[in-house]
Amino acid sequence: MSYINKITETLGKEADSLLQHKSTKIPKERLEIPGPHTVDTFRDSDRNPQVLRSLAQLYNHGNLGGTGYLSILPVDQGIEHTAAVSFYKNPDYFDPENIVKLAMEAGCNGVASTFGVLARHARKYAHKIPFIVKINHNELMTYPNKYDQIPFGSVLEAWDMGATAIGATIYFGSEESTRQIQEIAAAFEEAHQLGMATILWCYTRNSGFKKDGKDYHSAADLTGQANHIGVTIKADIIKQKLPETNYGFRDIGFGKQNEDMYNTLSTDHPIDLCRFQVANCYMGKIGLINSGGGSQGDSDFEAAVKTAVINKRAGGCGLIMGRKAFQRPMKDGVEIINSVQEVYLEDKITVA
């Protein structure tokens, strides 16, 4: 089935720019393109057979199974954003079983959530859909609020739960990032020894990343370097926010950078900015999934499809979308997730 007409209509006036763009700064021929062979590319790595099996479980499940692309439902906002503000639009999701049910109804590759959410119904569902257990979080009960990712449980606990993978967040650039890098590097090594896959939320966080009224937290160069550190500590999949700008190192005035670096690697086109991120994931040898972002209401469908098109055409391997799905009735949540999956199932949408 072809979805191209539906996708083109959803993109509206941006359709030509997004669907016809050709990336020339980093040509697609340099990338490892997602496909049915994706898990096989790890055979050259040090990942043991159990990790390859876990990756295969994740990549071969759901509506995108066998394509090399991922559609993951992440719901950890009950801790990260407070449960009340996250679930008041649809209180059904205070019940953790409905989170798992949404992922299954939508044909997701896996469901990512907290120890508590996934543990509560592990015996009923862990063998039916891959579980991705988030092992650390930022809690918002400390006053004044602080921003630090701390472990909420052990890697072994996630394994005993039947998890296919663990997920973790590092706030790169924060005062606590050195400790977080060390903690998660050790956790990922333990997860690999047990046979689980690893997914890293590579977020930047520093008040200094805002300058002259401009926010560089999603700059391609800063997020790209966060990705590069993430793959260095052996994340099997990188989760990153879609880049909205560039020149973070240059304009803030830190790190190592020069103008030729930017001119050589990217343009200001959103697909090229995202390709900057993919390049920092070992030229796509470690898959990049972009986050779907918060819910803005009626524009969510268009925004979700646009993000998926940018990610796919940049060389990424999927989307991890939560609030746009669970902050609406389950039927509508399934529909928006399926609309994203259609982008990755549409053969006419190719890597730029």
Protein backbone atom coordinates (compact mmCIF):
# COMPACT_ATOMS: atom_id res chain seq x y z
CA MET A 1 0.00 0.00 0.00
CA SER A 2 1.27 3.47 -0.90
CA TYR A 3 0.89 6.32 1.59
CA ILE A 4 2.67 8.99 -0.42
CA ASN A 5 -0.41 11.02 -1.33
CA LYS A 6 -1.59 11.09 2.28
CA ILE A 7 1.88 12.07 3.51
CA THR A 8 2.24 14.78 0.87
CA GLU A 9 -1.13 16.25 1.81
CA THR A 10 -0.22 16.21 5.51
CA LEU A 11 3.06 18.04 4.86
CA GLY A 12 1.23 20.76 2.91
CA LYS A 13 3.37 23.61 1.66
CA GLU A 14 6.53 21.98 3.05
CA ALA A 15 6.09 18.80 1.00
CA ASP A 16 8.37 19.75 -1.90
CA SER A 17 11.15 21.03 0.33
CA LEU A 18 11.14 17.91 2.49
CA LEU A 19 10.43 15.23 -0.11
CA GLN A 20 12.62 16.54 -2.96
CA HIS A 21 15.69 17.70 -1.01
CA LYS A 22 19.05 16.12 -1.85
CA SER A 23 21.82 16.19 0.73
CA THR A 24 25.20 16.92 -0.83
CA LYS A 25 27.34 17.87 2.16
CA ILE A 26 27.35 14.33 3.56
CA PRO A 27 26.08 12.13 0.69
CA LYS A 28 23.91 9.15 1.54
CA GLU A 29 26.51 6.84 0.02
CA ARG A 30 28.65 7.43 3.12
CA LEU A 31 25.92 6.22 5.47
CA GLU A 32 24.84 2.86 6.80
CA ILE A 33 21.23 2.97 5.61
CA PRO A 34 18.61 1.24 7.81
CA GLY A 35 17.16 -1.92 6.34
CA PRO A 36 16.38 -5.60 7.00
CA HIS A 37 20.13 -6.13 7.46
CA THR A 38 20.45 -3.65 10.34
CA VAL A 39 20.95 -6.16 13.15
CA ASP A 40 23.47 -8.08 11.03
CA THR A 41 25.71 -5.01 10.97
CA PHE A 42 26.45 -5.63 14.67
CA ARG A 43 28.15 -8.95 13.85
CA ASP A 44 31.45 -7.09 13.51
CA SER A 45 31.06 -5.57 16.98
CA ASP A 46 31.81 -6.99 20.41
CA ARG A 47 28.09 -7.43 21.20
CA ASN A 48 27.42 -11.01 22.25
CA PRO A 49 24.78 -13.22 20.58
CA GLN A 50 22.26 -12.48 23.31
CA VAL A 51 22.46 -8.74 22.53
CA LEU A 52 21.97 -9.46 18.83
CA ARG A 53 18.91 -11.50 19.72
CA SER A 54 17.54 -8.63 21.80
CA LEU A 55 18.16 -6.17 18.98
CA ALA A 56 16.43 -8.57 16.59
CA GLN A 57 13.43 -8.79 18.92
CA LEU A 58 13.17 -5.00 18.90
CA TYR A 59 13.75 -4.45 15.18
CA ASN A 60 11.51 -7.34 14.10
CA HIS A 61 8.46 -6.51 16.20
CA GLY A 62 5.35 -4.53 15.29
CA ASN A 63 4.23 -2.83 12.11
CA LEU A 64 7.79 -1.85 11.16
CA GLY A 65 9.22 -5.28 11.94
CA GLY A 66 11.95 -6.31 9.49
CA THR A 67 12.30 -2.88 7.88
CA GLY A 68 15.25 -1.63 9.93
CA TYR A 69 13.11 1.19 11.33
CA LEU A 70 11.71 1.68 14.82
CA SER A 71 8.53 3.11 16.28
CA ILE A 72 8.78 3.22 20.06
CA LEU A 73 6.25 4.50 22.61
CA PRO A 74 8.05 6.25 25.51
CA VAL A 75 6.09 7.17 28.63
CA ASP A 76 8.35 8.25 31.48
CA GLN A 77 6.80 11.69 31.82
CA GLY A 78 5.03 10.66 35.03
CA ILE A 79 8.43 11.04 36.69
CA GLU A 80 10.16 13.49 34.35
CA HIS A 81 7.28 16.01 34.05
CA THR A 82 5.01 14.98 36.99
CA ALA A 83 2.15 12.55 36.49
CA ALA A 84 -0.66 15.10 36.91
CA VAL A 85 0.50 17.44 34.15
CA SER A 86 1.30 14.49 31.89
CA PHE A 87 -1.92 12.52 32.28
CA TYR A 88 -4.67 15.05 33.04
CA LYS A 89 -5.65 15.18 29.37
CA ASN A 90 -6.31 11.43 29.48
CA PRO A 91 -6.35 10.03 33.05
CA ASP A 92 -6.53 6.47 31.65
CA TYR A 93 -2.74 6.55 31.47
CA PHE A 94 -2.36 6.76 35.23
CA ASP A 95 -3.04 3.02 34.82
CA PRO A 96 0.24 1.53 33.56
CA GLU A 97 -1.49 -1.29 31.68
CA ASN A 98 -2.97 1.24 29.27
CA ILE A 99 0.52 2.43 28.35
CA VAL A 100 1.47 -1.08 27.28
CA LYS A 101 -1.87 -1.55 25.53
CA LEU A 102 -1.38 1.65 23.50
CA ALA A 103 2.03 0.45 22.28
CA MET A 104 0.57 -2.92 21.31
CA GLU A 105 -2.53 -1.48 19.62
CA ALA A 106 -0.36 0.90 17.60
CA GLY A 107 2.00 -1.86 16.47
CA CYS A 108 5.09 -0.30 18.07
CA ASN A 109 8.44 -2.08 18.08
CA GLY A 110 8.63 -1.61 21.83
CA VAL A 111 7.42 0.32 24.85
CA ALA A 112 9.79 2.39 27.01
CA SER A 113 8.82 3.36 30.53
CA THR A 114 9.76 3.30 34.20
CA PHE A 115 10.55 0.34 36.43
CA GLY A 116 7.16 0.70 38.12
CA VAL A 117 5.05 0.94 34.97
CA LEU A 118 6.61 -2.05 33.23
CA ALA A 119 7.06 -4.17 36.36
CA ARG A 120 3.36 -3.94 37.28
CA HIS A 121 2.31 -5.99 34.25
CA ALA A 122 5.56 -7.68 33.22
CA ARG A 123 4.31 -11.26 33.49
CA LYS A 124 1.34 -10.44 31.28
CA TYR A 125 3.14 -8.50 28.54
CA ALA A 126 6.96 -8.82 28.59
CA HIS A 127 6.78 -11.75 26.15
CA LYS A 128 4.28 -9.97 23.90
CA ILE A 129 6.06 -6.67 23.23
CA PRO A 130 9.71 -5.69 23.87
CA PHE A 131 10.14 -3.81 27.15
CA ILE A 132 12.66 -0.94 27.33
CA VAL A 133 13.21 -0.06 30.99
CA LYS A 134 14.34 3.52 31.71
CA ILE A 135 16.83 3.08 34.54
CA ASN A 136 17.38 6.75 35.48
CA HIS A 137 15.27 9.88 35.72
CA ASN A 138 15.14 13.51 36.74
CA GLU A 139 12.69 13.93 39.62
CA LEU A 140 10.81 17.18 40.17
CA MET A 141 10.00 16.96 43.89
CA THR A 142 13.20 18.64 45.09
CA TYR A 143 12.62 22.33 45.79
CA PRO A 144 13.95 24.35 44.17
CA ASN A 145 13.99 22.00 41.20
CA LYS A 146 17.31 20.51 40.19
CA TYR A 147 18.14 18.79 36.94
CA ASP A 148 20.02 15.57 37.43
CA GLN A 149 19.48 12.03 36.16
CA ILE A 150 19.75 9.50 38.98
CA PRO A 151 19.34 5.69 38.91
CA PHE A 152 15.92 4.42 39.97
CA GLY A 153 16.83 0.73 39.90
CA SER A 154 19.41 -1.80 38.78
CA VAL A 155 20.25 -3.29 35.39
CA LEU A 156 19.71 -6.77 36.86
CA GLU A 157 16.21 -5.76 37.96
CA ALA A 158 15.40 -4.79 34.37
CA TRP A 159 16.77 -8.13 33.13
CA ASP A 160 14.71 -10.09 35.69
CA MET A 161 11.63 -8.18 34.50
CA GLY A 162 12.14 -9.61 31.02
CA ALA A 163 13.37 -6.40 29.42
CA THR A 164 14.73 -6.51 25.89
CA ALA A 165 16.66 -3.28 26.41
CA ILE A 166 17.45 -0.63 28.97
CA GLY A 167 17.18 3.08 28.33
CA ALA A 168 18.98 5.90 30.08
CA THR A 169 19.36 9.68 29.86
CA ILE A 170 22.51 11.76 30.14
CA TYR A 171 22.32 15.55 30.43
CA PHE A 172 25.40 16.41 28.41
CA GLY A 173 26.87 19.77 29.38
CA SER A 174 25.39 19.74 32.88
CA GLU A 175 27.46 19.92 36.07
CA GLU A 176 26.52 16.30 36.77
CA SER A 177 27.32 14.96 33.28
CA THR A 178 30.70 13.47 34.22
CA ARG A 179 29.10 11.26 36.86
CA GLN A 180 26.19 10.38 34.57
CA ILE A 181 28.53 9.33 31.74
CA GLN A 182 30.42 7.04 34.12
CA GLU A 183 27.24 5.57 35.61
CA ILE A 184 25.60 4.85 32.27
CA ALA A 185 28.75 3.53 30.62
CA ALA A 186 28.97 0.96 33.42
CA ALA A 187 25.24 0.20 33.19
CA PHE A 188 25.45 -0.34 29.43
CA GLU A 189 28.38 -2.73 29.86
CA GLU A 190 26.40 -4.73 32.42
CA ALA A 191 23.34 -4.75 30.16
CA HIS A 192 25.41 -6.08 27.26
CA GLN A 193 26.89 -8.80 29.46
CA LEU A 194 23.36 -9.90 30.37
CA GLY A 195 22.24 -9.74 26.73
CA MET A 196 20.10 -6.59 26.66
CA ALA A 197 20.29 -3.81 24.08
CA THR A 198 20.98 -0.22 25.12
CA ILE A 199 19.26 3.04 24.16
CA LEU A 200 20.59 6.45 25.22
CA TRP A 201 18.55 9.65 25.52
CA CYS A 202 21.31 12.12 24.54
CA TYR A 203 20.02 15.42 25.89
CA THR A 204 21.94 18.66 26.36
CA ARG A 205 21.32 20.69 29.49
CA ASN A 206 23.10 23.87 30.57
CA SER A 207 21.76 27.38 31.20
CA GLY A 208 24.76 28.65 29.23
CA PHE A 209 23.39 26.99 26.09
CA LYS A 210 20.98 29.93 25.84
CA LYS A 211 22.59 33.13 24.59
CA ASP A 212 21.31 36.43 23.24
CA GLY A 213 17.75 35.15 23.26
CA LYS A 214 18.60 32.03 21.24
CA ASP A 215 18.35 28.46 22.54
CA TYR A 216 21.14 26.13 21.37
CA HIS A 217 20.05 23.03 23.28
CA SER A 218 18.86 21.53 19.99
CA ALA A 219 21.74 22.84 17.86
CA ALA A 220 23.03 20.23 15.41
CA ASP A 221 26.64 20.58 16.56
CA LEU A 222 25.88 20.28 20.30
CA THR A 223 23.41 17.42 19.91
CA GLY A 224 25.70 15.79 17.37
CA GLN A 225 28.59 15.77 19.83
CA ALA A 226 26.28 14.40 22.53
CA ASN A 227 25.42 11.59 20.10
CA HIS A 228 29.11 10.95 19.49
CA ILE A 229 29.77 10.55 23.20
CA GLY A 230 26.71 8.31 23.40
CA VAL A 231 27.96 5.88 20.78
CA THR A 232 31.37 5.99 22.44
CA ILE A 233 29.90 4.42 25.59
CA LYS A 234 28.30 1.78 23.34
CA ALA A 235 24.68 2.79 23.03
CA ASP A 236 23.06 0.52 20.43
CA ILE A 237 20.47 3.19 19.57
CA ILE A 238 20.62 6.95 20.13
CA LYS A 239 17.56 9.04 20.95
CA GLN A 240 17.91 12.74 20.20
CA LYS A 241 15.72 15.78 19.77
CA LEU A 242 15.35 16.99 16.20
CA PRO A 243 17.87 19.81 15.55
CA GLU A 244 16.41 23.26 15.02
CA THR A 245 19.57 25.30 14.53
CA ASN A 246 23.36 25.01 14.38
CA TYR A 247 26.49 26.96 15.41
CA GLY A 248 26.16 26.23 19.13
CA PHE A 249 29.89 25.86 19.76
CA ARG A 250 30.66 28.95 17.66
CA ASP A 251 28.04 31.31 19.04
CA ILE A 252 28.36 30.28 22.68
CA GLY A 253 32.12 30.31 22.34
CA PHE A 254 33.38 27.01 23.72
CA GLY A 255 34.58 23.61 22.57
CA LYS A 256 36.55 23.00 19.39
CA GLN A 257 35.05 24.44 16.21
CA ASN A 258 35.69 26.48 13.07
CA GLU A 259 33.60 27.87 10.24
CA ASP A 260 34.82 25.28 7.74
CA MET A 261 33.44 22.54 9.95
CA TYR A 262 29.92 23.91 9.58
CA ASN A 263 30.23 24.66 5.86
CA THR A 264 31.59 21.21 5.11
CA LEU A 265 29.10 19.16 7.08
CA SER A 266 25.72 20.86 6.79
CA THR A 267 23.35 23.50 5.51
CA ASP A 268 20.42 25.06 7.33
CA HIS A 269 17.96 22.60 5.74
CA PRO A 270 16.33 20.47 8.48
CA ILE A 271 17.30 17.22 6.75
CA ASP A 272 20.95 18.28 6.58
CA LEU A 273 20.89 19.35 10.23
CA CYS A 274 19.56 15.92 11.16
CA ARG A 275 22.18 14.26 8.93
CA PHE A 276 24.78 16.06 11.07
CA GLN A 277 23.37 14.07 13.98
CA VAL A 278 23.37 10.80 12.00
CA ALA A 279 27.00 11.33 10.99
CA ASN A 280 27.93 11.58 14.67
CA CYS A 281 26.31 8.17 15.22
CA TYR A 282 29.19 6.53 13.33
CA MET A 283 27.67 7.46 9.96
CA GLY A 284 24.46 5.63 10.82
CA LYS A 285 26.10 2.42 12.06
CA ILE A 286 24.36 3.20 15.35
CA GLY A 287 20.73 4.06 14.66
CA LEU A 288 19.33 7.52 15.40
CA ILE A 289 15.75 7.87 16.57
CA ASN A 290 14.39 11.37 17.00
CA SER A 291 11.85 12.35 19.65
CA GLY A 292 8.33 13.36 18.70
CA GLY A 293 8.19 16.33 21.07
CA GLY A 294 5.33 17.68 23.12
CA SER A 295 1.67 17.85 22.15
CA GLN A 296 0.46 21.10 20.57
CA GLY A 297 -3.07 19.93 19.76
CA ASP A 298 -4.41 20.04 16.21
CA SER A 299 -0.96 20.46 14.62
CA ASP A 300 0.38 17.23 16.13
CA PHE A 301 -0.31 15.01 13.12
CA GLU A 302 1.50 17.34 10.73
CA ALA A 303 4.42 17.81 13.13
CA ALA A 304 4.78 14.06 13.73
CA VAL A 305 4.80 13.21 10.03
CA LYS A 306 7.24 16.03 9.32
CA THR A 307 9.63 14.81 12.01
CA ALA A 308 9.45 11.26 10.64
CA VAL A 309 10.17 12.43 7.09
CA ILE A 310 13.17 14.48 8.25
CA ASN A 311 14.54 11.58 10.29
CA LYS A 312 14.09 9.00 7.52
CA ARG A 313 15.47 11.18 4.74
CA ALA A 314 18.44 12.16 6.93
CA GLY A 315 19.34 8.49 7.42
CA GLY A 316 17.84 7.98 10.86
CA CYS A 317 16.11 4.78 11.93
CA GLY A 318 12.84 5.91 13.45
CA LEU A 319 10.79 7.95 15.86
CA ILE A 320 10.13 7.68 19.59
CA MET A 321 6.88 9.54 20.26
CA GLY A 322 4.96 9.74 23.52
CA ARG A 323 3.01 12.86 24.45
CA LYS A 324 1.48 13.37 21.01
CA ALA A 325 0.01 9.87 21.37
CA PHE A 326 -0.93 9.33 25.01
CA GLN A 327 -2.31 12.82 25.67
CA ARG A 328 -5.38 12.03 23.55
CA PRO A 329 -7.93 9.18 23.37
CA MET A 330 -6.35 5.80 22.63
CA LYS A 331 -7.96 5.55 19.19
CA ASP A 332 -6.43 8.90 18.19
CA GLY A 333 -3.12 7.95 19.79
CA VAL A 334 -2.98 4.80 17.69
CA GLU A 335 -3.81 6.83 14.59
CA ILE A 336 -0.99 9.34 15.04
CA ILE A 337 1.55 6.59 15.72
CA ASN A 338 0.37 4.73 12.62
CA SER A 339 0.74 7.93 10.56
CA VAL A 340 4.40 8.05 11.55
CA GLN A 341 4.89 4.38 10.75
CA GLU A 342 3.48 4.98 7.27
CA VAL A 343 6.40 7.29 6.51
CA TYR A 344 8.86 4.48 7.16
CA LEU A 345 6.73 1.96 5.24
CA GLU A 346 6.52 4.23 2.16
CA ASP A 347 9.19 3.15 -0.33
CA LYS A 348 8.89 6.42 -2.28
CA ILE A 349 10.30 8.33 0.70
CA THR A 350 14.01 7.59 0.41
CA VAL A 351 17.19 8.74 2.11
CA ALA A 352 18.13 12.15 0.70
